[in-house]
Amino acid sequence: AKEELFRMPDLRITLLCKKLNTNRTYISGIINEEFGESFNGFINRYRVEYAKKLMKDNPACDYSLDYLASESGFGSASSFIRAFKQIEDITPGKFLKG
């Protein structure tokens, strides 16, 4: 089974460094160079993709924003909404309505 570290709300770059047995500068540099974003932006992109998958897999669902946020690894619904809107240019509610 693959580890979905991005789903941990308290994921920090230091934990990723330990898991990959490398240092912060190296990981940060790769994310910045390859993806053109910060560690948090990179992780939030994974979280938003996961939330979108949850919504697509259950189109008739009535998941709350709190549930989607927590399942995807966000610390709160407001941080989920903010990141979702920043990445997708729409709110999760509008995304759900299709």
Protein backbone atom coordinates (compact mmCIF):
# COMPACT_ATOMS: atom_id res chain seq x y z
CA ALA A 1 0.00 0.00 0.00
CA LYS A 2 1.33 3.43 -0.86
CA GLU A 3 1.65 6.04 1.84
CA GLU A 4 -0.42 9.13 1.24
CA LEU A 5 1.63 11.47 3.41
CA PHE A 6 -0.16 14.50 1.92
CA ARG A 7 -3.28 13.40 3.82
CA MET A 8 -1.57 14.13 7.16
CA PRO A 9 -2.73 17.59 8.30
CA ASP A 10 0.51 18.11 10.24
CA LEU A 11 2.81 17.07 7.39
CA ARG A 12 5.99 19.10 7.48
CA ILE A 13 8.92 19.14 5.09
CA THR A 14 11.07 17.80 7.94
CA LEU A 15 9.01 14.58 8.09
CA LEU A 16 9.36 14.14 4.34
CA CYS A 17 13.12 14.64 4.68
CA LYS A 18 13.28 11.90 7.31
CA LYS A 19 11.17 9.53 5.18
CA LEU A 20 13.36 10.13 2.13
CA ASN A 21 16.57 10.23 4.16
CA THR A 22 17.63 13.58 2.73
CA ASN A 23 17.68 17.24 3.77
CA ARG A 24 15.30 20.15 3.60
CA THR A 25 17.37 22.19 1.14
CA TYR A 26 17.43 19.33 -1.36
CA ILE A 27 13.67 18.62 -1.19
CA SER A 28 12.75 22.29 -1.25
CA GLY A 29 15.06 22.90 -4.22
CA ILE A 30 13.59 20.05 -6.25
CA ILE A 31 10.01 21.17 -5.59
CA ASN A 32 10.90 24.78 -6.46
CA GLU A 33 12.80 23.85 -9.64
CA GLU A 34 10.60 21.04 -10.97
CA PHE A 35 7.19 22.37 -10.00
CA GLY A 36 7.78 26.08 -9.53
CA GLU A 37 6.09 26.21 -6.15
CA SER A 38 6.66 25.99 -2.43
CA PHE A 39 6.44 22.78 -0.41
CA ASN A 40 3.03 23.82 0.96
CA GLY A 41 1.71 24.68 -2.51
CA PHE A 42 2.97 21.34 -3.81
CA ILE A 43 1.29 19.38 -1.00
CA ASN A 44 -1.93 21.37 -1.32
CA ARG A 45 -2.10 20.46 -5.01
CA TYR A 46 -2.10 16.76 -4.04
CA ARG A 47 -4.71 17.41 -1.39
CA VAL A 48 -7.01 19.24 -3.80
CA GLU A 49 -6.64 16.45 -6.39
CA TYR A 50 -7.58 13.93 -3.71
CA ALA A 51 -10.63 15.97 -2.69
CA LYS A 52 -11.70 16.25 -6.35
CA LYS A 53 -11.42 12.47 -6.68
CA LEU A 54 -13.60 11.99 -3.59
CA MET A 55 -16.21 14.31 -5.08
CA LYS A 56 -16.08 12.73 -8.56
CA ASP A 57 -16.25 9.17 -7.21
CA ASN A 58 -19.37 10.05 -5.21
CA PRO A 59 -21.26 12.64 -7.28
CA ALA A 60 -24.48 12.29 -5.28
CA CYS A 61 -22.62 12.56 -1.99
CA ASP A 62 -23.39 15.10 0.61
CA TYR A 63 -19.90 15.26 2.07
CA SER A 64 -19.42 18.29 4.24
CA LEU A 65 -16.55 20.63 3.52
CA ASP A 66 -15.16 19.69 6.93
CA TYR A 67 -15.15 16.02 5.94
CA LEU A 68 -13.52 16.68 2.55
CA ALA A 69 -10.94 18.94 4.18
CA SER A 70 -10.02 16.42 6.85
CA GLU A 71 -9.94 13.42 4.48
CA SER A 72 -7.67 15.34 2.10
CA GLY A 73 -5.25 16.44 4.80
CA PHE A 74 -6.26 20.06 5.34
CA GLY A 75 -6.32 21.36 8.89
CA SER A 76 -9.63 23.17 8.40
CA ALA A 77 -12.45 23.72 5.92
CA SER A 78 -11.34 27.32 5.42
CA SER A 79 -7.79 26.31 4.42
CA PHE A 80 -9.31 23.67 2.11
CA ILE A 81 -11.59 26.22 0.42
CA ARG A 82 -8.77 28.75 0.09
CA ALA A 83 -6.36 26.22 -1.48
CA PHE A 84 -9.06 24.72 -3.72
CA LYS A 85 -10.03 28.12 -5.06
CA GLN A 86 -6.38 29.11 -5.59
CA ILE A 87 -5.66 25.92 -7.57
CA GLU A 88 -8.96 25.38 -9.42
CA ASP A 89 -10.24 28.99 -9.71
CA ILE A 90 -13.60 27.88 -8.29
CA THR A 91 -14.86 26.91 -4.86
CA PRO A 92 -15.36 23.25 -3.90
CA GLY A 93 -19.13 23.91 -3.77
CA LYS A 94 -19.20 25.11 -7.38
CA PHE A 95 -16.99 22.19 -8.41
CA LEU A 96 -19.48 19.78 -6.82
CA LYS A 97 -22.37 21.32 -8.75
CA GLY A 98 -20.44 20.71 -11.97
